[in-house]
Amino acid sequence: MLRNPHPLRQQGWGGCQGYLVLLPFPAISVGYGEMEMGVKVFLLVGITPAPHQLIGVRLVNEVFTSFFGGKGKRYTEKKAVMSVYPPLTDRTSLESQPRRTPPLESGDLCGSADPAYPPDRLTRHEFERRYGAATQIKKAELIEGVVYVASPLRHHQHGLPHSRVMTWLGVYQALTPGVDLSVEPTVRLDLDNEPQPDVVFFIEPEAGGQIQLSEDGYIEGTPELIVEIAASSVAIDMGSKKQVYRRNGVREYIVWQSYENQLAWFQLVEGDYQLLIPDERGIIRSEVFPGLWLAVNSLLAKDMVPVLEVLQVGVQSSEHQGFVQQLTAQKQ
């Protein structure tokens, strides 16, 4: 009974693709297809009195009963969206309809919440398309294909600790030619992950670093050090993000949990993160950036004078001088 399958892309469907299938009788058409990422979508399409105009009902997460069996022809629906298409001269003109970009929201997946049809994740390309159109959103991240839109940031829980970390790293960067830092840049880690870390600290590509800058100005690849200020985002920063950074080879990862006022500094060792422990003076020393020393308790107390004093000792060390010479030689 089914004939003439036809690829369908229609305005307002979020980039989802299905098939419009016409039945032999003219009064009703039934469409069945799949999202681009493989999630089930059903369509009911009826002919209106106006010539060549269609009314489409999109049913998402619905359960059909005996739909093609000839008996009952019943269905239940969880969600229905009505769309009236403009006058069409033929079915092929469906493909020429403009494609509307869906809004970007936390938890966005391209698919269904029905356990029978597990959702596929957004690709990085689709995430960037939606993010570029969402001009009102200041920070959004793609982690394992799931979108996370940042909440408004409080001063004491985020802005203040963020500024103190930037001061500490900024002084080291100023005294270490060949390294650089960036505030909340988009980082294209892999096809499923595009975070926007609070701080990215890296060796410049010309000096032998791991990252590259794309033609459109984005960081691509893996920075050597990432810092996250974790307030409401602590579950993500210590969970899925941490695993993404580990898998992509971020060599050091710092998480400042502002509500608990705790700082964890991880180093990648043989494919796994190990916690760096302060010495008897309460100082942690970076293994990737020689001379990058941190007086942890002073930073947590927001007392920057001892933090910068300890850092000054670090950048005067022979290890830091050797590191600068190595970076300079790489750039020549």
C-alpha atoms as a PDB file:
ATOM      1  CA  MET A   1       0.000   0.000   0.000  1.00  0.00           C
ATOM      2  CA  LEU A   2       2.833   2.421   0.719  1.00  0.00           C
ATOM      3  CA  ARG A   3       4.434   4.159  -2.198  1.00  0.00           C
ATOM      4  CA  ASN A   4       6.563   7.126  -3.219  1.00  0.00           C
ATOM      5  CA  PRO A   5       8.875   7.632  -0.221  1.00  0.00           C
ATOM      6  CA  HIS A   6      10.129  11.178  -0.298  1.00  0.00           C
ATOM      7  CA  PRO A   7      12.872  12.859   1.790  1.00  0.00           C
ATOM      8  CA  LEU A   8      11.411  15.568   3.973  1.00  0.00           C
ATOM      9  CA  ARG A   9      13.001  18.611   5.597  1.00  0.00           C
ATOM     10  CA  GLN A  10      10.529  21.134   6.961  1.00  0.00           C
ATOM     11  CA  GLN A  11      10.716  24.447   8.770  1.00  0.00           C
ATOM     12  CA  GLY A  12      10.551  24.163  12.537  1.00  0.00           C
ATOM     13  CA  TRP A  13      11.615  20.530  12.814  1.00  0.00           C
ATOM     14  CA  GLY A  14      15.074  21.225  14.188  1.00  0.00           C
ATOM     15  CA  GLY A  15      17.030  19.681  11.345  1.00  0.00           C
ATOM     16  CA  CYS A  16      15.198  16.345  11.581  1.00  0.00           C
ATOM     17  CA  GLN A  17      14.701  14.266   8.486  1.00  0.00           C
ATOM     18  CA  GLY A  18      11.925  11.799   7.694  1.00  0.00           C
ATOM     19  CA  TYR A  19      10.022  10.339   4.781  1.00  0.00           C
ATOM     20  CA  LEU A  20       6.684  11.462   3.439  1.00  0.00           C
ATOM     21  CA  VAL A  21       4.814   8.399   2.153  1.00  0.00           C
ATOM     22  CA  LEU A  22       1.566   8.835   0.177  1.00  0.00           C
ATOM     23  CA  LEU A  23      -1.200   6.272   0.438  1.00  0.00           C
ATOM     24  CA  PRO A  24      -3.306   5.307  -2.607  1.00  0.00           C
ATOM     25  CA  PHE A  25      -6.321   7.260  -1.362  1.00  0.00           C
ATOM     26  CA  PRO A  26      -6.115  11.079  -1.569  1.00  0.00           C
ATOM     27  CA  ALA A  27      -7.674  12.115   1.746  1.00  0.00           C
ATOM     28  CA  ILE A  28      -4.838  11.212   4.082  1.00  0.00           C
ATOM     29  CA  SER A  29      -1.109  10.790   3.930  1.00  0.00           C
ATOM     30  CA  VAL A  30       1.031   9.072   6.530  1.00  0.00           C
ATOM     31  CA  GLY A  31       4.652   9.953   7.067  1.00  0.00           C
ATOM     32  CA  TYR A  32       7.117   7.849   9.014  1.00  0.00           C
ATOM     33  CA  GLY A  33      10.754   8.624   9.367  1.00  0.00           C
ATOM     34  CA  GLU A  34      13.755   9.128  11.581  1.00  0.00           C
ATOM     35  CA  MET A  35      15.603  12.077  12.973  1.00  0.00           C
ATOM     36  CA  GLU A  36      19.018  12.742  11.510  1.00  0.00           C
ATOM     37  CA  MET A  37      20.502  11.070  14.563  1.00  0.00           C
ATOM     38  CA  GLY A  38      18.182   8.066  14.380  1.00  0.00           C
ATOM     39  CA  VAL A  39      15.264   8.834  16.707  1.00  0.00           C
ATOM     40  CA  LYS A  40      11.762   7.829  15.670  1.00  0.00           C
ATOM     41  CA  VAL A  41       9.291  10.474  14.437  1.00  0.00           C
ATOM     42  CA  PHE A  42       5.807   9.942  12.983  1.00  0.00           C
ATOM     43  CA  LEU A  43       3.810  12.331  10.839  1.00  0.00           C
ATOM     44  CA  LEU A  44       0.159  12.566   9.899  1.00  0.00           C
ATOM     45  CA  VAL A  45      -0.416  14.719   6.862  1.00  0.00           C
ATOM     46  CA  GLY A  46      -3.892  15.658   5.592  1.00  0.00           C
ATOM     47  CA  ILE A  47      -4.969  17.409   2.420  1.00  0.00           C
ATOM     48  CA  THR A  48      -6.744  20.719   3.056  1.00  0.00           C
ATOM     49  CA  PRO A  49      -9.528  22.118   0.862  1.00  0.00           C
ATOM     50  CA  ALA A  50      -7.033  24.543  -0.620  1.00  0.00           C
ATOM     51  CA  PRO A  51      -5.275  22.987  -3.599  1.00  0.00           C
ATOM     52  CA  HIS A  52      -1.843  21.564  -2.851  1.00  0.00           C
ATOM     53  CA  GLN A  53      -1.791  22.747   0.763  1.00  0.00           C
ATOM     54  CA  LEU A  54      -0.931  20.305   3.518  1.00  0.00           C
ATOM     55  CA  ILE A  55      -1.671  20.248   7.225  1.00  0.00           C
ATOM     56  CA  GLY A  56       0.897  18.212   9.114  1.00  0.00           C
ATOM     57  CA  VAL A  57       0.738  16.899  12.654  1.00  0.00           C
ATOM     58  CA  ARG A  58       4.067  15.845  14.127  1.00  0.00           C
ATOM     59  CA  LEU A  59       3.689  13.212  16.840  1.00  0.00           C
ATOM     60  CA  VAL A  60       6.749  12.741  19.009  1.00  0.00           C
ATOM     61  CA  ASN A  61       7.197   9.839  21.450  1.00  0.00           C
ATOM     62  CA  GLU A  62       3.842   8.365  20.432  1.00  0.00           C
ATOM     63  CA  VAL A  63       2.826   4.733  20.605  1.00  0.00           C
ATOM     64  CA  PHE A  64       0.954   3.356  17.602  1.00  0.00           C
ATOM     65  CA  THR A  65      -1.337   0.337  17.905  1.00  0.00           C
ATOM     66  CA  SER A  66      -2.146  -1.788  14.862  1.00  0.00           C
ATOM     67  CA  PHE A  67      -1.467   1.199  12.651  1.00  0.00           C
ATOM     68  CA  PHE A  68      -0.597  -0.835   9.603  1.00  0.00           C
ATOM     69  CA  GLY A  69      -2.504  -3.946  10.647  1.00  0.00           C
ATOM     70  CA  GLY A  70      -5.875  -2.871   9.288  1.00  0.00           C
ATOM     71  CA  LYS A  71      -7.643  -3.216  12.648  1.00  0.00           C
ATOM     72  CA  GLY A  72      -8.292  -0.531  15.162  1.00  0.00           C
ATOM     73  CA  LYS A  73      -5.929   2.004  13.666  1.00  0.00           C
ATOM     74  CA  ARG A  74      -5.510   3.518  17.104  1.00  0.00           C
ATOM     75  CA  TYR A  75      -2.656   5.516  18.525  1.00  0.00           C
ATOM     76  CA  THR A  76      -1.790   7.407  21.660  1.00  0.00           C
ATOM     77  CA  GLU A  77       0.335  10.505  21.616  1.00  0.00           C
ATOM     78  CA  LYS A  78       2.535  12.239  24.148  1.00  0.00           C
ATOM     79  CA  LYS A  79       3.078  15.378  22.101  1.00  0.00           C
ATOM     80  CA  ALA A  80       1.625  16.782  18.906  1.00  0.00           C
ATOM     81  CA  VAL A  81       2.721  19.820  16.952  1.00  0.00           C
ATOM     82  CA  MET A  82       0.499  21.206  14.200  1.00  0.00           C
ATOM     83  CA  SER A  83       2.101  22.780  11.158  1.00  0.00           C
ATOM     84  CA  VAL A  84       0.369  24.283   8.130  1.00  0.00           C
ATOM     85  CA  TYR A  85       2.632  24.236   5.132  1.00  0.00           C
ATOM     86  CA  PRO A  86       2.437  26.937   2.473  1.00  0.00           C
ATOM     87  CA  PRO A  87       0.830  26.135  -0.878  1.00  0.00           C
ATOM     88  CA  LEU A  88       2.903  23.578  -2.736  1.00  0.00           C
ATOM     89  CA  THR A  89       2.913  22.927  -6.440  1.00  0.00           C
ATOM     90  CA  ASP A  90       4.511  19.513  -5.953  1.00  0.00           C
ATOM     91  CA  ARG A  91       5.946  17.399  -3.187  1.00  0.00           C
ATOM     92  CA  THR A  92       9.552  18.093  -4.150  1.00  0.00           C
ATOM     93  CA  SER A  93       9.155  21.731  -3.102  1.00  0.00           C
ATOM     94  CA  LEU A  94       9.065  20.571   0.527  1.00  0.00           C
ATOM     95  CA  GLU A  95      12.837  20.391   0.397  1.00  0.00           C
ATOM     96  CA  SER A  96      13.082  24.053  -0.606  1.00  0.00           C
ATOM     97  CA  GLN A  97      11.353  25.314   2.564  1.00  0.00           C
ATOM     98  CA  PRO A  98      13.556  27.402   4.892  1.00  0.00           C
ATOM     99  CA  ARG A  99      15.081  25.614   7.863  1.00  0.00           C
ATOM    100  CA  ARG A 100      14.505  27.301  11.213  1.00  0.00           C
ATOM    101  CA  THR A 101      17.168  26.956  13.894  1.00  0.00           C
ATOM    102  CA  PRO A 102      15.723  25.548  17.151  1.00  0.00           C
ATOM    103  CA  PRO A 103      16.495  27.351  20.415  1.00  0.00           C
ATOM    104  CA  LEU A 104      19.517  26.214  22.420  1.00  0.00           C
ATOM    105  CA  GLU A 105      18.529  24.955  25.857  1.00  0.00           C
ATOM    106  CA  SER A 106      20.173  22.993  28.657  1.00  0.00           C
ATOM    107  CA  GLY A 107      19.796  19.266  28.196  1.00  0.00           C
ATOM    108  CA  ASP A 108      19.189  19.555  24.452  1.00  0.00           C
ATOM    109  CA  LEU A 109      19.349  16.240  22.636  1.00  0.00           C
ATOM    110  CA  CYS A 110      18.325  15.528  19.091  1.00  0.00           C
ATOM    111  CA  GLY A 111      15.719  12.971  19.893  1.00  0.00           C
ATOM    112  CA  SER A 112      13.266  11.330  22.212  1.00  0.00           C
ATOM    113  CA  ALA A 113      12.985  10.740  25.946  1.00  0.00           C
ATOM    114  CA  ASP A 114      11.113   7.473  25.328  1.00  0.00           C
ATOM    115  CA  PRO A 115      13.267   4.600  26.701  1.00  0.00           C
ATOM    116  CA  ALA A 116      12.196   2.521  23.715  1.00  0.00           C
ATOM    117  CA  TYR A 117      13.945   5.051  21.470  1.00  0.00           C
ATOM    118  CA  PRO A 118      17.043   6.317  23.313  1.00  0.00           C
ATOM    119  CA  PRO A 119      18.016   9.832  22.220  1.00  0.00           C
ATOM    120  CA  ASP A 120      21.051  10.625  20.153  1.00  0.00           C
ATOM    121  CA  ARG A 121      23.302  13.470  21.175  1.00  0.00           C
ATOM    122  CA  LEU A 122      23.814  16.773  19.431  1.00  0.00           C
ATOM    123  CA  THR A 123      26.827  16.848  17.178  1.00  0.00           C
ATOM    124  CA  ARG A 124      29.333  19.645  17.569  1.00  0.00           C
ATOM    125  CA  HIS A 125      28.278  21.022  14.191  1.00  0.00           C
ATOM    126  CA  GLU A 126      24.599  21.213  15.195  1.00  0.00           C
ATOM    127  CA  PHE A 127      25.534  22.678  18.582  1.00  0.00           C
ATOM    128  CA  GLU A 128      27.555  25.455  16.945  1.00  0.00           C
ATOM    129  CA  ARG A 129      24.697  26.175  14.525  1.00  0.00           C
ATOM    130  CA  ARG A 130      22.210  26.623  17.372  1.00  0.00           C
ATOM    131  CA  TYR A 131      24.682  28.456  19.616  1.00  0.00           C
ATOM    132  CA  GLY A 132      25.510  30.911  16.839  1.00  0.00           C
ATOM    133  CA  ALA A 133      21.827  31.747  16.445  1.00  0.00           C
ATOM    134  CA  ALA A 134      21.202  32.088  20.201  1.00  0.00           C
ATOM    135  CA  THR A 135      22.671  35.561  20.564  1.00  0.00           C
ATOM    136  CA  GLN A 136      21.096  36.014  24.010  1.00  0.00           C
ATOM    137  CA  ILE A 137      23.132  33.137  25.489  1.00  0.00           C
ATOM    138  CA  LYS A 138      26.568  34.110  26.808  1.00  0.00           C
ATOM    139  CA  LYS A 139      27.908  30.689  27.740  1.00  0.00           C
ATOM    140  CA  ALA A 140      26.862  27.235  26.589  1.00  0.00           C
ATOM    141  CA  GLU A 141      28.810  23.992  26.465  1.00  0.00           C
ATOM    142  CA  LEU A 142      28.459  20.658  24.709  1.00  0.00           C
ATOM    143  CA  ILE A 143      29.547  17.802  26.991  1.00  0.00           C
ATOM    144  CA  GLU A 144      29.199  14.273  25.638  1.00  0.00           C
ATOM    145  CA  GLY A 145      26.598  15.583  23.188  1.00  0.00           C
ATOM    146  CA  VAL A 146      24.440  17.246  25.878  1.00  0.00           C
ATOM    147  CA  VAL A 147      23.994  21.023  26.045  1.00  0.00           C
ATOM    148  CA  TYR A 148      24.636  22.907  29.286  1.00  0.00           C
ATOM    149  CA  VAL A 149      23.680  26.588  29.418  1.00  0.00           C
ATOM    150  CA  ALA A 150      25.356  28.465  32.273  1.00  0.00           C
ATOM    151  CA  SER A 151      23.299  30.042  35.031  1.00  0.00           C
ATOM    152  CA  PRO A 152      23.847  33.682  36.024  1.00  0.00           C
ATOM    153  CA  LEU A 153      27.156  33.978  37.894  1.00  0.00           C
ATOM    154  CA  ARG A 154      27.362  35.264  41.468  1.00  0.00           C
ATOM    155  CA  HIS A 155      30.268  37.380  42.654  1.00  0.00           C
ATOM    156  CA  HIS A 156      31.388  35.456  45.745  1.00  0.00           C
ATOM    157  CA  GLN A 157      30.743  31.991  44.348  1.00  0.00           C
ATOM    158  CA  HIS A 158      32.228  32.541  40.877  1.00  0.00           C
ATOM    159  CA  GLY A 159      33.440  35.977  39.864  1.00  0.00           C
ATOM    160  CA  LEU A 160      35.752  36.524  42.827  1.00  0.00           C
ATOM    161  CA  PRO A 161      37.575  33.153  42.769  1.00  0.00           C
ATOM    162  CA  HIS A 162      37.751  33.378  38.979  1.00  0.00           C
ATOM    163  CA  SER A 163      39.512  36.735  39.194  1.00  0.00           C
ATOM    164  CA  ARG A 164      42.019  35.422  41.742  1.00  0.00           C
ATOM    165  CA  VAL A 165      42.938  32.464  39.532  1.00  0.00           C
ATOM    166  CA  MET A 166      43.365  34.797  36.565  1.00  0.00           C
ATOM    167  CA  THR A 167      45.682  37.033  38.598  1.00  0.00           C
ATOM    168  CA  TRP A 168      47.859  34.071  39.621  1.00  0.00           C
ATOM    169  CA  LEU A 169      48.081  32.619  36.112  1.00  0.00           C
ATOM    170  CA  GLY A 170      48.361  36.033  34.471  1.00  0.00           C
ATOM    171  CA  VAL A 171      51.536  36.861  36.397  1.00  0.00           C
ATOM    172  CA  TYR A 172      53.087  33.517  35.421  1.00  0.00           C
ATOM    173  CA  GLN A 173      52.135  34.069  31.773  1.00  0.00           C
ATOM    174  CA  ALA A 174      53.687  37.539  31.754  1.00  0.00           C
ATOM    175  CA  LEU A 175      56.985  36.072  32.971  1.00  0.00           C
ATOM    176  CA  THR A 176      56.941  33.000  30.721  1.00  0.00           C
ATOM    177  CA  PRO A 177      57.206  33.730  26.991  1.00  0.00           C
ATOM    178  CA  GLY A 178      55.635  30.929  24.976  1.00  0.00           C
ATOM    179  CA  VAL A 179      52.597  30.276  27.196  1.00  0.00           C
ATOM    180  CA  ASP A 180      49.206  31.955  27.039  1.00  0.00           C
ATOM    181  CA  LEU A 181      45.838  31.931  28.791  1.00  0.00           C
ATOM    182  CA  SER A 182      42.264  32.600  27.801  1.00  0.00           C
ATOM    183  CA  VAL A 183      39.053  33.357  29.702  1.00  0.00           C
ATOM    184  CA  GLU A 184      36.040  31.159  28.896  1.00  0.00           C
ATOM    185  CA  PRO A 185      37.006  30.369  25.301  1.00  0.00           C
ATOM    186  CA  THR A 186      35.160  27.825  23.230  1.00  0.00           C
ATOM    187  CA  VAL A 187      37.374  24.746  22.911  1.00  0.00           C
ATOM    188  CA  ARG A 188      36.720  22.227  20.155  1.00  0.00           C
ATOM    189  CA  LEU A 189      37.917  19.115  21.934  1.00  0.00           C
ATOM    190  CA  ASP A 190      36.313  16.410  19.808  1.00  0.00           C
ATOM    191  CA  LEU A 191      33.161  15.753  17.778  1.00  0.00           C
ATOM    192  CA  ASP A 192      30.955  15.409  20.882  1.00  0.00           C
ATOM    193  CA  ASN A 193      32.544  17.938  23.214  1.00  0.00           C
ATOM    194  CA  GLU A 194      32.882  21.707  22.977  1.00  0.00           C
ATOM    195  CA  PRO A 195      33.347  23.095  26.487  1.00  0.00           C
ATOM    196  CA  GLN A 196      33.862  26.697  27.485  1.00  0.00           C
ATOM    197  CA  PRO A 197      36.213  26.342  30.475  1.00  0.00           C
ATOM    198  CA  ASP A 198      36.559  29.180  32.947  1.00  0.00           C
ATOM    199  CA  VAL A 199      40.309  29.366  32.317  1.00  0.00           C
ATOM    200  CA  VAL A 200      42.422  27.737  29.609  1.00  0.00           C
ATOM    201  CA  PHE A 201      46.214  27.799  30.051  1.00  0.00           C
ATOM    202  CA  PHE A 202      48.363  26.456  27.257  1.00  0.00           C
ATOM    203  CA  ILE A 203      51.719  26.343  25.547  1.00  0.00           C
ATOM    204  CA  GLU A 204      51.565  28.280  22.306  1.00  0.00           C
ATOM    205  CA  PRO A 205      51.479  26.127  19.134  1.00  0.00           C
ATOM    206  CA  GLU A 206      54.694  27.754  17.883  1.00  0.00           C
ATOM    207  CA  ALA A 207      56.418  26.678  21.124  1.00  0.00           C
ATOM    208  CA  GLY A 208      55.344  23.043  20.806  1.00  0.00           C
ATOM    209  CA  GLY A 209      51.945  23.146  22.503  1.00  0.00           C
ATOM    210  CA  GLN A 210      49.033  20.765  21.952  1.00  0.00           C
ATOM    211  CA  ILE A 211      46.396  23.218  20.694  1.00  0.00           C
ATOM    212  CA  GLN A 212      45.848  24.890  17.345  1.00  0.00           C
ATOM    213  CA  LEU A 213      43.868  27.992  16.458  1.00  0.00           C
ATOM    214  CA  SER A 214      41.293  27.466  13.721  1.00  0.00           C
ATOM    215  CA  GLU A 215      40.864  29.858  10.820  1.00  0.00           C
ATOM    216  CA  ASP A 216      37.790  31.288  12.542  1.00  0.00           C
ATOM    217  CA  GLY A 217      39.703  31.860  15.779  1.00  0.00           C
ATOM    218  CA  TYR A 218      38.644  28.924  17.963  1.00  0.00           C
ATOM    219  CA  ILE A 219      40.901  26.733  20.076  1.00  0.00           C
ATOM    220  CA  GLU A 220      41.057  23.231  18.650  1.00  0.00           C
ATOM    221  CA  GLY A 221      42.705  20.329  20.407  1.00  0.00           C
ATOM    222  CA  THR A 222      43.734  19.888  24.006  1.00  0.00           C
ATOM    223  CA  PRO A 223      45.045  22.666  26.279  1.00  0.00           C
ATOM    224  CA  GLU A 224      47.706  21.651  28.773  1.00  0.00           C
ATOM    225  CA  LEU A 225      45.826  23.096  31.801  1.00  0.00           C
ATOM    226  CA  ILE A 226      42.151  23.835  32.413  1.00  0.00           C
ATOM    227  CA  VAL A 227      40.627  25.515  35.467  1.00  0.00           C
ATOM    228  CA  GLU A 228      36.945  25.341  36.399  1.00  0.00           C
ATOM    229  CA  ILE A 229      35.257  27.387  39.139  1.00  0.00           C
ATOM    230  CA  ALA A 230      32.619  24.944  40.343  1.00  0.00           C
ATOM    231  CA  ALA A 231      29.618  26.345  42.184  1.00  0.00           C
ATOM    232  CA  SER A 232      26.307  24.989  40.896  1.00  0.00           C
ATOM    233  CA  SER A 233      28.239  23.098  38.187  1.00  0.00           C
ATOM    234  CA  VAL A 234      30.317  20.962  40.561  1.00  0.00           C
ATOM    235  CA  ALA A 235      28.604  17.688  39.600  1.00  0.00           C
ATOM    236  CA  ILE A 236      29.442  18.279  35.935  1.00  0.00           C
ATOM    237  CA  ASP A 237      32.940  19.643  36.548  1.00  0.00           C
ATOM    238  CA  MET A 238      33.896  16.701  38.766  1.00  0.00           C
ATOM    239  CA  GLY A 239      31.926  14.182  36.726  1.00  0.00           C
ATOM    240  CA  SER A 240      31.410  14.124  32.973  1.00  0.00           C
ATOM    241  CA  LYS A 241      33.701  17.085  32.255  1.00  0.00           C
ATOM    242  CA  LYS A 242      36.538  15.552  34.211  1.00  0.00           C
ATOM    243  CA  GLN A 243      36.231  12.349  32.200  1.00  0.00           C
ATOM    244  CA  VAL A 244      36.095  14.268  28.917  1.00  0.00           C
ATOM    245  CA  TYR A 245      39.239  16.201  29.823  1.00  0.00           C
ATOM    246  CA  ARG A 246      41.006  13.022  30.905  1.00  0.00           C
ATOM    247  CA  ARG A 247      40.084  11.172  27.724  1.00  0.00           C
ATOM    248  CA  ASN A 248      41.238  14.063  25.540  1.00  0.00           C
ATOM    249  CA  GLY A 249      44.581  14.356  27.309  1.00  0.00           C
ATOM    250  CA  VAL A 250      44.278  17.581  29.328  1.00  0.00           C
ATOM    251  CA  ARG A 251      47.477  17.193  31.311  1.00  0.00           C
ATOM    252  CA  GLU A 252      46.447  19.152  34.413  1.00  0.00           C
ATOM    253  CA  TYR A 253      42.983  20.036  35.661  1.00  0.00           C
ATOM    254  CA  ILE A 254      42.130  22.353  38.566  1.00  0.00           C
ATOM    255  CA  VAL A 255      38.661  22.521  40.140  1.00  0.00           C
ATOM    256  CA  TRP A 256      37.901  25.190  42.735  1.00  0.00           C
ATOM    257  CA  GLN A 257      34.695  24.149  44.512  1.00  0.00           C
ATOM    258  CA  SER A 258      33.556  27.529  45.766  1.00  0.00           C
ATOM    259  CA  TYR A 259      30.725  26.443  48.081  1.00  0.00           C
ATOM    260  CA  GLU A 260      32.996  23.970  49.873  1.00  0.00           C
ATOM    261  CA  ASN A 261      36.005  26.301  49.407  1.00  0.00           C
ATOM    262  CA  GLN A 262      38.157  23.381  48.303  1.00  0.00           C
ATOM    263  CA  LEU A 263      40.663  23.132  45.488  1.00  0.00           C
ATOM    264  CA  ALA A 264      41.621  19.928  43.669  1.00  0.00           C
ATOM    265  CA  TRP A 265      44.560  19.855  41.240  1.00  0.00           C
ATOM    266  CA  PHE A 266      44.735  16.752  39.062  1.00  0.00           C
ATOM    267  CA  GLN A 267      47.634  15.538  36.949  1.00  0.00           C
ATOM    268  CA  LEU A 268      47.221  13.069  34.081  1.00  0.00           C
ATOM    269  CA  VAL A 269      49.387  10.023  34.793  1.00  0.00           C
ATOM    270  CA  GLU A 270      49.230   6.959  32.519  1.00  0.00           C
ATOM    271  CA  GLY A 271      45.766   7.868  31.264  1.00  0.00           C
ATOM    272  CA  ASP A 272      44.202   8.641  34.647  1.00  0.00           C
ATOM    273  CA  TYR A 273      43.946  11.701  36.873  1.00  0.00           C
ATOM    274  CA  GLN A 274      45.920  11.660  40.115  1.00  0.00           C
ATOM    275  CA  LEU A 275      45.505  14.302  42.798  1.00  0.00           C
ATOM    276  CA  LEU A 276      48.523  16.528  43.425  1.00  0.00           C
ATOM    277  CA  ILE A 277      49.165  16.871  47.165  1.00  0.00           C
ATOM    278  CA  PRO A 278      50.540  20.089  48.725  1.00  0.00           C
ATOM    279  CA  ASP A 279      53.968  19.814  50.319  1.00  0.00           C
ATOM    280  CA  GLU A 280      54.686  20.537  53.995  1.00  0.00           C
ATOM    281  CA  ARG A 281      54.478  24.295  53.258  1.00  0.00           C
ATOM    282  CA  GLY A 282      51.065  23.931  51.600  1.00  0.00           C
ATOM    283  CA  ILE A 283      52.428  24.507  48.080  1.00  0.00           C
ATOM    284  CA  ILE A 284      51.490  22.617  44.912  1.00  0.00           C
ATOM    285  CA  ARG A 285      53.935  22.671  42.015  1.00  0.00           C
ATOM    286  CA  SER A 286      52.832  22.124  38.429  1.00  0.00           C
ATOM    287  CA  GLU A 287      54.532  19.287  36.558  1.00  0.00           C
ATOM    288  CA  VAL A 288      53.655  20.750  33.154  1.00  0.00           C
ATOM    289  CA  PHE A 289      54.554  24.397  33.813  1.00  0.00           C
ATOM    290  CA  PRO A 290      57.773  24.527  35.859  1.00  0.00           C
ATOM    291  CA  GLY A 291      57.714  27.383  38.350  1.00  0.00           C
ATOM    292  CA  LEU A 292      53.928  27.539  38.513  1.00  0.00           C
ATOM    293  CA  TRP A 293      53.642  27.218  42.282  1.00  0.00           C
ATOM    294  CA  LEU A 294      50.465  27.708  44.283  1.00  0.00           C
ATOM    295  CA  ALA A 295      50.018  28.495  47.976  1.00  0.00           C
ATOM    296  CA  VAL A 296      46.684  26.708  48.156  1.00  0.00           C
ATOM    297  CA  ASN A 297      45.395  27.900  51.549  1.00  0.00           C
ATOM    298  CA  SER A 298      46.239  31.515  50.747  1.00  0.00           C
ATOM    299  CA  LEU A 299      44.351  31.331  47.459  1.00  0.00           C
ATOM    300  CA  LEU A 300      41.316  29.821  49.177  1.00  0.00           C
ATOM    301  CA  ALA A 301      41.471  32.662  51.698  1.00  0.00           C
ATOM    302  CA  LYS A 302      41.634  35.156  48.786  1.00  0.00           C
ATOM    303  CA  ASP A 303      44.901  36.439  50.245  1.00  0.00           C
ATOM    304  CA  MET A 304      46.845  37.176  47.081  1.00  0.00           C
ATOM    305  CA  VAL A 305      50.034  38.605  48.602  1.00  0.00           C
ATOM    306  CA  PRO A 306      51.377  35.212  49.779  1.00  0.00           C
ATOM    307  CA  VAL A 307      50.071  33.611  46.559  1.00  0.00           C
ATOM    308  CA  LEU A 308      52.149  35.971  44.427  1.00  0.00           C
ATOM    309  CA  GLU A 309      55.167  35.744  46.741  1.00  0.00           C
ATOM    310  CA  VAL A 310      55.257  31.969  46.363  1.00  0.00           C
ATOM    311  CA  LEU A 311      54.750  32.279  42.607  1.00  0.00           C
ATOM    312  CA  GLN A 312      57.651  34.752  42.430  1.00  0.00           C
ATOM    313  CA  VAL A 313      59.933  32.182  44.056  1.00  0.00           C
ATOM    314  CA  GLY A 314      58.748  29.613  41.516  1.00  0.00           C
ATOM    315  CA  VAL A 315      59.476  31.740  38.460  1.00  0.00           C
ATOM    316  CA  GLN A 316      62.956  32.510  39.821  1.00  0.00           C
ATOM    317  CA  SER A 317      63.787  28.815  40.080  1.00  0.00           C
ATOM    318  CA  SER A 318      66.232  27.072  37.753  1.00  0.00           C
ATOM    319  CA  GLU A 319      63.397  24.819  36.546  1.00  0.00           C
ATOM    320  CA  HIS A 320      61.446  27.811  35.262  1.00  0.00           C
ATOM    321  CA  GLN A 321      64.505  29.321  33.591  1.00  0.00           C
ATOM    322  CA  GLY A 322      65.145  26.039  31.782  1.00  0.00           C
ATOM    323  CA  PHE A 323      61.500  25.892  30.703  1.00  0.00           C
ATOM    324  CA  VAL A 324      61.663  29.392  29.210  1.00  0.00           C
ATOM    325  CA  GLN A 325      64.825  28.475  27.305  1.00  0.00           C
ATOM    326  CA  GLN A 326      63.105  25.348  25.960  1.00  0.00           C
ATOM    327  CA  LEU A 327      60.070  27.315  24.768  1.00  0.00           C
ATOM    328  CA  THR A 328      62.266  29.968  23.161  1.00  0.00           C
ATOM    329  CA  ALA A 329      64.248  27.320  21.281  1.00  0.00           C
ATOM    330  CA  GLN A 330      60.998  25.739  20.011  1.00  0.00           C
ATOM    331  CA  LYS A 331      59.811  29.061  18.579  1.00  0.00           C
ATOM    332  CA  GLN A 332      63.034  29.730  16.666  1.00  0.00           C
END
